[in-house]
Amino acid sequence: MPPEYPEPLSIEHDHPSRELDAGTLRHVIQHVVDAEGTSLTHLSLVLTDHDTVRRLNQSYLDHDYDTDVLSFSLREGPAPSSGASGEGIEGEVYVDLDTAAERHDEFDTSFEREAYRYVVHGLLHLVGYDDAQPAGQDKMREKEDQYLNTVLPAPSS
């Protein structure tokens, strides 16, 4: 029997000085969930820092480097193929707000928009998208842009 969760969405602000608006986070997440034709069984979203994400990356993926977002499915068995699982999202997403703060200028966007991009990216992994190959990277970037442009104000020029 699958575990029962008190809430389908848990947002933890675990960064010492940076945060994102909880209402906007919920709106972005719900938009992606709806657009991908799925639901939330349980999503734990943790907004955190370099140290936490790097430690998780080392511990669980054996990668000794920083990354912007980590996603962990809590489902048994293989990951679903994109958009085809029929089951709700059940997983954890860890967003490195330090990386968003450091890199947003490089992409000519705001800190917030860059961080929301990481949230969307993590969700896309949980519904089955894979960016191990260039075609998958392009597809995920296209989806990220589409969803962000729909739910957030246009980026400043």
N, C-alpha and C. Protein backbone atom coordinates (compact mmCIF):
# COMPACT_ATOMS: atom_id res chain seq x y z
N MET A 1 0.85 -1.18 0.00
CA MET A 1 0.00 0.00 0.00
C MET A 1 0.89 1.24 0.00
N PRO A 2 0.61 2.22 -0.89
CA PRO A 2 1.44 3.43 -0.94
C PRO A 2 1.28 4.27 0.32
N PRO A 3 2.32 5.05 0.66
CA PRO A 3 2.21 5.89 1.85
C PRO A 3 1.15 6.97 1.67
N GLU A 4 0.58 7.40 2.79
CA GLU A 4 -0.37 8.51 2.75
C GLU A 4 0.34 9.75 3.26
N TYR A 5 0.12 10.86 2.56
CA TYR A 5 0.77 12.11 2.91
C TYR A 5 -0.28 13.09 3.42
N PRO A 6 0.05 13.88 4.45
CA PRO A 6 -0.92 14.84 4.96
C PRO A 6 -1.26 15.93 3.94
N GLU A 7 -0.31 16.30 3.11
CA GLU A 7 -0.52 17.33 2.09
C GLU A 7 0.16 16.88 0.80
N PRO A 8 -0.41 17.21 -0.35
CA PRO A 8 0.26 16.84 -1.59
C PRO A 8 1.51 17.67 -1.88
N LEU A 9 1.61 18.87 -1.27
CA LEU A 9 2.75 19.74 -1.52
C LEU A 9 3.32 20.25 -0.21
N SER A 10 4.62 20.07 -0.06
CA SER A 10 5.35 20.58 1.09
C SER A 10 6.47 21.47 0.56
N ILE A 11 6.52 22.73 1.02
CA ILE A 11 7.57 23.66 0.62
C ILE A 11 8.39 24.01 1.84
N GLU A 12 9.68 23.75 1.77
CA GLU A 12 10.58 24.06 2.89
C GLU A 12 11.60 25.11 2.45
N HIS A 13 11.58 26.24 3.15
CA HIS A 13 12.57 27.29 2.92
C HIS A 13 13.74 27.00 3.84
N ASP A 14 14.79 26.42 3.28
CA ASP A 14 15.94 25.96 4.07
C ASP A 14 17.20 26.77 3.75
N HIS A 15 17.04 27.92 3.14
CA HIS A 15 18.18 28.77 2.82
C HIS A 15 18.28 29.84 3.90
N PRO A 16 19.51 30.16 4.36
CA PRO A 16 19.65 31.13 5.44
C PRO A 16 19.23 32.56 5.08
N SER A 17 19.24 32.93 3.80
CA SER A 17 18.93 34.33 3.48
C SER A 17 18.09 34.55 2.23
N ARG A 18 17.85 33.53 1.44
CA ARG A 18 17.08 33.70 0.20
C ARG A 18 15.79 32.88 0.28
N GLU A 19 14.76 33.39 -0.39
CA GLU A 19 13.51 32.62 -0.46
C GLU A 19 12.73 33.02 -1.69
N LEU A 20 11.71 32.26 -1.98
CA LEU A 20 10.79 32.54 -3.07
C LEU A 20 9.38 32.62 -2.49
N ASP A 21 8.52 33.34 -3.18
CA ASP A 21 7.15 33.51 -2.73
C ASP A 21 6.39 32.18 -2.81
N ALA A 22 5.82 31.76 -1.69
CA ALA A 22 5.13 30.46 -1.62
C ALA A 22 3.93 30.42 -2.56
N GLY A 23 3.19 31.51 -2.67
CA GLY A 23 2.03 31.53 -3.56
C GLY A 23 2.42 31.37 -5.02
N THR A 24 3.49 32.05 -5.41
CA THR A 24 3.97 31.93 -6.79
C THR A 24 4.50 30.52 -7.04
N LEU A 25 5.21 29.96 -6.06
CA LEU A 25 5.69 28.58 -6.19
C LEU A 25 4.53 27.63 -6.43
N ARG A 26 3.48 27.76 -5.63
CA ARG A 26 2.32 26.88 -5.78
C ARG A 26 1.68 27.04 -7.17
N HIS A 27 1.61 28.28 -7.63
CA HIS A 27 1.03 28.56 -8.94
C HIS A 27 1.87 27.92 -10.06
N VAL A 28 3.18 28.09 -10.00
CA VAL A 28 4.08 27.51 -11.00
C VAL A 28 3.95 25.98 -10.99
N ILE A 29 4.01 25.39 -9.82
CA ILE A 29 3.92 23.93 -9.69
C ILE A 29 2.60 23.42 -10.24
N GLN A 30 1.49 24.05 -9.85
CA GLN A 30 0.18 23.59 -10.32
C GLN A 30 0.05 23.71 -11.83
N HIS A 31 0.61 24.78 -12.39
CA HIS A 31 0.56 24.95 -13.84
C HIS A 31 1.28 23.81 -14.55
N VAL A 32 2.48 23.47 -14.09
CA VAL A 32 3.24 22.38 -14.70
C VAL A 32 2.49 21.06 -14.56
N VAL A 33 1.98 20.80 -13.37
CA VAL A 33 1.23 19.56 -13.11
C VAL A 33 0.04 19.46 -14.07
N ASP A 34 -0.73 20.53 -14.18
CA ASP A 34 -1.90 20.52 -15.07
C ASP A 34 -1.49 20.37 -16.54
N ALA A 35 -0.48 21.13 -16.95
CA ALA A 35 -0.06 21.10 -18.35
C ALA A 35 0.51 19.74 -18.75
N GLU A 36 1.10 19.04 -17.80
CA GLU A 36 1.66 17.72 -18.08
C GLU A 36 0.62 16.61 -17.92
N GLY A 37 -0.61 16.99 -17.56
CA GLY A 37 -1.68 16.00 -17.45
C GLY A 37 -1.49 15.01 -16.32
N THR A 38 -0.93 15.49 -15.21
CA THR A 38 -0.70 14.61 -14.08
C THR A 38 -1.30 15.24 -12.82
N SER A 39 -0.94 14.73 -11.68
CA SER A 39 -1.41 15.27 -10.41
C SER A 39 -0.27 15.18 -9.40
N LEU A 40 -0.50 15.75 -8.24
CA LEU A 40 0.49 15.66 -7.16
C LEU A 40 0.03 14.62 -6.16
N THR A 41 0.75 13.54 -6.06
CA THR A 41 0.54 12.61 -4.96
C THR A 41 1.25 13.19 -3.75
N HIS A 42 2.53 13.50 -3.93
CA HIS A 42 3.29 14.23 -2.92
C HIS A 42 4.56 14.80 -3.54
N LEU A 43 4.75 16.09 -3.33
CA LEU A 43 5.98 16.76 -3.74
C LEU A 43 6.53 17.49 -2.53
N SER A 44 7.77 17.19 -2.22
CA SER A 44 8.50 17.93 -1.20
C SER A 44 9.50 18.80 -1.93
N LEU A 45 9.30 20.11 -1.87
CA LEU A 45 10.18 21.08 -2.52
C LEU A 45 11.02 21.74 -1.44
N VAL A 46 12.34 21.64 -1.57
CA VAL A 46 13.25 22.22 -0.59
C VAL A 46 14.09 23.28 -1.29
N LEU A 47 13.98 24.52 -0.82
CA LEU A 47 14.76 25.64 -1.35
C LEU A 47 15.97 25.79 -0.44
N THR A 48 17.15 25.52 -0.97
CA THR A 48 18.31 25.39 -0.10
C THR A 48 19.55 26.05 -0.70
N ASP A 49 20.73 25.60 -0.28
CA ASP A 49 21.99 26.26 -0.63
C ASP A 49 22.97 25.28 -1.28
N HIS A 50 24.14 25.84 -1.68
CA HIS A 50 25.19 25.03 -2.33
C HIS A 50 25.56 23.80 -1.51
N ASP A 51 25.82 24.01 -0.22
CA ASP A 51 26.33 22.92 0.61
C ASP A 51 25.37 21.73 0.65
N THR A 52 24.09 22.02 0.83
CA THR A 52 23.10 20.94 0.92
C THR A 52 22.98 20.19 -0.40
N VAL A 53 22.86 20.93 -1.50
CA VAL A 53 22.69 20.29 -2.80
C VAL A 53 23.94 19.49 -3.18
N ARG A 54 25.10 20.05 -2.90
CA ARG A 54 26.34 19.32 -3.22
C ARG A 54 26.45 18.03 -2.39
N ARG A 55 26.11 18.13 -1.12
CA ARG A 55 26.16 16.95 -0.25
C ARG A 55 25.21 15.86 -0.76
N LEU A 56 23.99 16.24 -1.14
CA LEU A 56 23.04 15.28 -1.69
C LEU A 56 23.54 14.70 -3.02
N ASN A 57 24.11 15.54 -3.85
CA ASN A 57 24.64 15.10 -5.14
C ASN A 57 25.74 14.06 -4.95
N GLN A 58 26.59 14.28 -3.95
CA GLN A 58 27.65 13.31 -3.64
C GLN A 58 27.07 12.03 -3.04
N SER A 59 26.20 12.19 -2.07
CA SER A 59 25.67 11.03 -1.34
C SER A 59 24.83 10.10 -2.20
N TYR A 60 23.94 10.67 -3.00
CA TYR A 60 22.97 9.85 -3.72
C TYR A 60 23.33 9.57 -5.17
N LEU A 61 24.08 10.47 -5.79
CA LEU A 61 24.40 10.29 -7.21
C LEU A 61 25.89 10.09 -7.46
N ASP A 62 26.68 10.18 -6.41
CA ASP A 62 28.14 10.03 -6.51
C ASP A 62 28.75 11.05 -7.46
N HIS A 63 28.17 12.26 -7.48
CA HIS A 63 28.69 13.37 -8.29
C HIS A 63 29.32 14.39 -7.36
N ASP A 64 30.59 14.66 -7.55
CA ASP A 64 31.31 15.58 -6.67
C ASP A 64 31.37 16.97 -7.30
N TYR A 65 30.19 17.57 -7.49
CA TYR A 65 30.14 18.93 -8.04
C TYR A 65 28.80 19.57 -7.69
N ASP A 66 28.76 20.90 -7.84
CA ASP A 66 27.53 21.64 -7.60
C ASP A 66 26.57 21.42 -8.76
N THR A 67 25.29 21.57 -8.48
CA THR A 67 24.27 21.52 -9.52
C THR A 67 23.13 22.44 -9.09
N ASP A 68 22.28 22.81 -10.02
CA ASP A 68 21.23 23.78 -9.71
C ASP A 68 20.00 23.15 -9.07
N VAL A 69 19.69 21.91 -9.44
CA VAL A 69 18.49 21.26 -8.92
C VAL A 69 18.69 19.75 -8.92
N LEU A 70 18.15 19.10 -7.91
CA LEU A 70 18.14 17.64 -7.83
C LEU A 70 16.71 17.17 -7.66
N SER A 71 16.36 16.11 -8.35
CA SER A 71 15.03 15.50 -8.23
C SER A 71 15.19 14.05 -7.85
N PHE A 72 14.35 13.61 -6.92
CA PHE A 72 14.35 12.21 -6.50
C PHE A 72 12.92 11.70 -6.53
N SER A 73 12.67 10.71 -7.36
CA SER A 73 11.36 10.08 -7.39
C SER A 73 11.22 9.18 -6.17
N LEU A 74 10.07 9.19 -5.55
CA LEU A 74 9.79 8.31 -4.42
C LEU A 74 8.98 7.09 -4.85
N ARG A 75 8.79 6.96 -6.15
CA ARG A 75 8.04 5.82 -6.70
C ARG A 75 8.94 4.60 -6.80
N GLU A 76 8.34 3.45 -6.64
CA GLU A 76 9.04 2.18 -6.84
C GLU A 76 9.18 1.94 -8.34
N GLY A 77 10.25 1.30 -8.74
CA GLY A 77 10.42 0.90 -10.13
C GLY A 77 11.02 1.98 -11.00
N PRO A 78 11.01 1.74 -12.32
CA PRO A 78 11.65 2.67 -13.25
C PRO A 78 10.89 3.99 -13.34
N ALA A 79 11.62 5.02 -13.75
CA ALA A 79 11.01 6.35 -13.92
C ALA A 79 9.99 6.29 -15.05
N PRO A 80 8.92 7.08 -14.94
CA PRO A 80 7.94 7.10 -16.02
C PRO A 80 8.53 7.75 -17.26
N SER A 81 7.96 7.45 -18.42
CA SER A 81 8.35 8.19 -19.61
C SER A 81 7.55 9.48 -19.61
N SER A 82 8.08 10.52 -20.19
CA SER A 82 7.49 11.85 -20.08
C SER A 82 6.01 11.86 -20.43
N GLY A 83 5.24 12.38 -19.47
CA GLY A 83 3.82 12.57 -19.66
C GLY A 83 2.99 11.31 -19.74
N ALA A 84 3.57 10.14 -19.55
CA ALA A 84 2.82 8.91 -19.80
C ALA A 84 2.60 8.03 -18.58
N SER A 85 2.94 8.51 -17.41
CA SER A 85 2.90 7.60 -16.26
C SER A 85 1.48 7.29 -15.79
N GLY A 86 0.57 8.26 -15.88
CA GLY A 86 -0.78 8.04 -15.37
C GLY A 86 -0.86 8.12 -13.86
N GLU A 87 0.27 8.17 -13.20
CA GLU A 87 0.31 8.30 -11.75
C GLU A 87 0.75 9.71 -11.41
N GLY A 88 0.34 10.17 -10.24
CA GLY A 88 0.73 11.50 -9.82
C GLY A 88 2.20 11.58 -9.46
N ILE A 89 2.69 12.80 -9.42
CA ILE A 89 4.08 13.06 -9.03
C ILE A 89 4.25 12.69 -7.57
N GLU A 90 5.29 11.94 -7.28
CA GLU A 90 5.64 11.59 -5.91
C GLU A 90 7.16 11.67 -5.82
N GLY A 91 7.64 12.77 -5.24
CA GLY A 91 9.09 12.93 -5.19
C GLY A 91 9.53 14.14 -4.41
N GLU A 92 10.84 14.36 -4.49
CA GLU A 92 11.48 15.48 -3.81
C GLU A 92 12.27 16.27 -4.84
N VAL A 93 12.24 17.60 -4.69
CA VAL A 93 13.04 18.49 -5.54
C VAL A 93 13.80 19.42 -4.61
N TYR A 94 15.11 19.48 -4.81
CA TYR A 94 15.99 20.37 -4.04
C TYR A 94 16.53 21.43 -4.99
N VAL A 95 16.22 22.69 -4.71
CA VAL A 95 16.63 23.80 -5.56
C VAL A 95 17.73 24.58 -4.87
N ASP A 96 18.85 24.79 -5.57
CA ASP A 96 19.98 25.54 -5.04
C ASP A 96 19.78 27.03 -5.35
N LEU A 97 19.31 27.77 -4.37
CA LEU A 97 19.07 29.20 -4.56
C LEU A 97 20.37 29.97 -4.73
N ASP A 98 21.48 29.46 -4.20
CA ASP A 98 22.78 30.12 -4.41
C ASP A 98 23.15 30.10 -5.89
N THR A 99 22.92 28.98 -6.55
CA THR A 99 23.23 28.90 -7.98
C THR A 99 22.36 29.87 -8.77
N ALA A 100 21.09 29.97 -8.44
CA ALA A 100 20.21 30.92 -9.12
C ALA A 100 20.71 32.34 -8.92
N ALA A 101 21.16 32.66 -7.72
CA ALA A 101 21.67 34.01 -7.43
C ALA A 101 22.96 34.30 -8.20
N GLU A 102 23.79 33.30 -8.36
CA GLU A 102 25.06 33.47 -9.06
C GLU A 102 24.92 33.51 -10.58
N ARG A 103 23.93 32.80 -11.11
CA ARG A 103 23.87 32.60 -12.56
C ARG A 103 22.79 33.39 -13.29
N HIS A 104 21.88 34.02 -12.58
CA HIS A 104 20.76 34.66 -13.30
C HIS A 104 21.22 35.75 -14.26
N ASP A 105 22.27 36.50 -13.91
CA ASP A 105 22.76 37.54 -14.82
C ASP A 105 23.31 36.94 -16.12
N GLU A 106 23.93 35.78 -16.00
CA GLU A 106 24.49 35.09 -17.17
C GLU A 106 23.39 34.80 -18.20
N PHE A 107 22.17 34.59 -17.72
CA PHE A 107 21.04 34.28 -18.61
C PHE A 107 20.11 35.48 -18.80
N ASP A 108 20.56 36.65 -18.35
CA ASP A 108 19.81 37.90 -18.52
C ASP A 108 18.38 37.77 -17.99
N THR A 109 18.29 37.28 -16.76
CA THR A 109 16.98 37.11 -16.13
C THR A 109 17.10 37.44 -14.65
N SER A 110 16.00 37.44 -13.95
CA SER A 110 16.01 37.74 -12.52
C SER A 110 16.38 36.49 -11.71
N PHE A 111 16.81 36.72 -10.49
CA PHE A 111 17.07 35.61 -9.57
C PHE A 111 15.84 34.73 -9.44
N GLU A 112 14.67 35.36 -9.25
CA GLU A 112 13.45 34.60 -9.04
C GLU A 112 13.10 33.73 -10.24
N ARG A 113 13.17 34.31 -11.42
CA ARG A 113 12.82 33.54 -12.62
C ARG A 113 13.78 32.37 -12.82
N GLU A 114 15.06 32.59 -12.55
CA GLU A 114 16.03 31.49 -12.67
C GLU A 114 15.71 30.39 -11.66
N ALA A 115 15.37 30.78 -10.44
CA ALA A 115 15.04 29.78 -9.41
C ALA A 115 13.75 29.02 -9.78
N TYR A 116 12.75 29.74 -10.28
CA TYR A 116 11.52 29.05 -10.71
C TYR A 116 11.81 28.10 -11.87
N ARG A 117 12.76 28.46 -12.73
CA ARG A 117 13.16 27.55 -13.82
C ARG A 117 13.66 26.23 -13.23
N TYR A 118 14.45 26.30 -12.16
CA TYR A 118 14.96 25.08 -11.53
C TYR A 118 13.82 24.24 -10.96
N VAL A 119 12.81 24.90 -10.42
CA VAL A 119 11.64 24.18 -9.90
C VAL A 119 10.95 23.43 -11.05
N VAL A 120 10.71 24.13 -12.15
CA VAL A 120 10.07 23.50 -13.31
C VAL A 120 10.93 22.35 -13.82
N HIS A 121 12.22 22.56 -13.91
CA HIS A 121 13.14 21.52 -14.40
C HIS A 121 13.04 20.26 -13.53
N GLY A 122 13.05 20.46 -12.22
CA GLY A 122 12.93 19.33 -11.31
C GLY A 122 11.62 18.58 -11.48
N LEU A 123 10.53 19.32 -11.65
CA LEU A 123 9.23 18.68 -11.88
C LEU A 123 9.22 17.88 -13.18
N LEU A 124 9.81 18.44 -14.21
CA LEU A 124 9.85 17.73 -15.49
C LEU A 124 10.59 16.40 -15.36
N HIS A 125 11.65 16.38 -14.57
CA HIS A 125 12.33 15.10 -14.32
C HIS A 125 11.38 14.11 -13.64
N LEU A 126 10.59 14.60 -12.69
CA LEU A 126 9.70 13.70 -11.96
C LEU A 126 8.56 13.15 -12.81
N VAL A 127 8.22 13.84 -13.90
CA VAL A 127 7.20 13.28 -14.80
C VAL A 127 7.83 12.48 -15.93
N GLY A 128 9.17 12.37 -15.93
CA GLY A 128 9.81 11.46 -16.86
C GLY A 128 10.71 12.05 -17.92
N TYR A 129 10.87 13.36 -17.96
CA TYR A 129 11.77 13.94 -18.94
C TYR A 129 13.22 13.69 -18.53
N ASP A 130 14.08 13.54 -19.53
CA ASP A 130 15.48 13.22 -19.30
C ASP A 130 16.34 14.17 -20.13
N ASP A 131 17.36 14.73 -19.51
CA ASP A 131 18.23 15.66 -20.23
C ASP A 131 19.65 15.12 -20.40
N ALA A 132 19.78 13.80 -20.42
CA ALA A 132 21.11 13.19 -20.59
C ALA A 132 21.65 13.39 -22.01
N GLN A 133 20.77 13.58 -22.98
CA GLN A 133 21.17 13.78 -24.37
C GLN A 133 20.73 15.17 -24.83
N PRO A 134 21.41 15.74 -25.84
CA PRO A 134 21.06 17.09 -26.31
C PRO A 134 19.59 17.26 -26.70
N ALA A 135 18.98 16.26 -27.33
CA ALA A 135 17.57 16.39 -27.72
C ALA A 135 16.68 16.53 -26.49
N GLY A 136 16.98 15.77 -25.44
CA GLY A 136 16.22 15.88 -24.20
C GLY A 136 16.44 17.22 -23.51
N GLN A 137 17.66 17.72 -23.57
CA GLN A 137 17.96 19.04 -23.01
C GLN A 137 17.15 20.11 -23.72
N ASP A 138 17.11 20.04 -25.05
CA ASP A 138 16.35 21.02 -25.83
C ASP A 138 14.87 20.95 -25.50
N LYS A 139 14.33 19.74 -25.39
CA LYS A 139 12.90 19.57 -25.08
C LYS A 139 12.59 20.14 -23.70
N MET A 140 13.45 19.86 -22.72
CA MET A 140 13.21 20.38 -21.37
C MET A 140 13.30 21.90 -21.34
N ARG A 141 14.27 22.47 -22.03
CA ARG A 141 14.41 23.94 -22.08
C ARG A 141 13.17 24.55 -22.72
N GLU A 142 12.68 23.94 -23.78
CA GLU A 142 11.47 24.42 -24.45
C GLU A 142 10.28 24.41 -23.48
N LYS A 143 10.11 23.32 -22.75
CA LYS A 143 9.02 23.21 -21.77
C LYS A 143 9.19 24.24 -20.66
N GLU A 144 10.41 24.39 -20.15
CA GLU A 144 10.66 25.37 -19.09
C GLU A 144 10.25 26.76 -19.56
N ASP A 145 10.71 27.15 -20.76
CA ASP A 145 10.37 28.47 -21.30
C ASP A 145 8.87 28.63 -21.46
N GLN A 146 8.23 27.61 -22.01
CA GLN A 146 6.78 27.66 -22.23
C GLN A 146 6.04 27.88 -20.91
N TYR A 147 6.37 27.10 -19.90
CA TYR A 147 5.66 27.20 -18.62
C TYR A 147 5.97 28.51 -17.90
N LEU A 148 7.23 28.91 -17.90
CA LEU A 148 7.59 30.16 -17.23
C LEU A 148 6.94 31.36 -17.92
N ASN A 149 6.92 31.37 -19.24
CA ASN A 149 6.32 32.49 -19.97
C ASN A 149 4.82 32.56 -19.76
N THR A 150 4.20 31.44 -19.46
CA THR A 150 2.76 31.42 -19.21
C THR A 150 2.41 31.93 -17.82
N VAL A 151 3.18 31.55 -16.81
CA VAL A 151 2.78 31.85 -15.43
C VAL A 151 3.50 33.02 -14.78
N LEU A 152 4.60 33.47 -15.36
CA LEU A 152 5.34 34.58 -14.76
C LEU A 152 5.35 35.77 -15.71
N PRO A 153 5.47 36.97 -15.17
CA PRO A 153 5.57 38.14 -16.04
C PRO A 153 6.75 38.00 -17.00
N ALA A 154 6.64 38.66 -18.13
CA ALA A 154 7.72 38.62 -19.12
C ALA A 154 9.03 39.07 -18.48
N PRO A 155 10.13 38.41 -18.85
CA PRO A 155 11.42 38.82 -18.29
C PRO A 155 11.76 40.25 -18.70
N SER A 156 12.42 40.95 -17.78
CA SER A 156 12.81 42.33 -18.09
C SER A 156 13.94 42.32 -19.11
N SER A 157 13.94 43.36 -19.96
CA SER A 157 14.98 43.40 -20.99
C SER A 157 16.12 44.28 -20.62
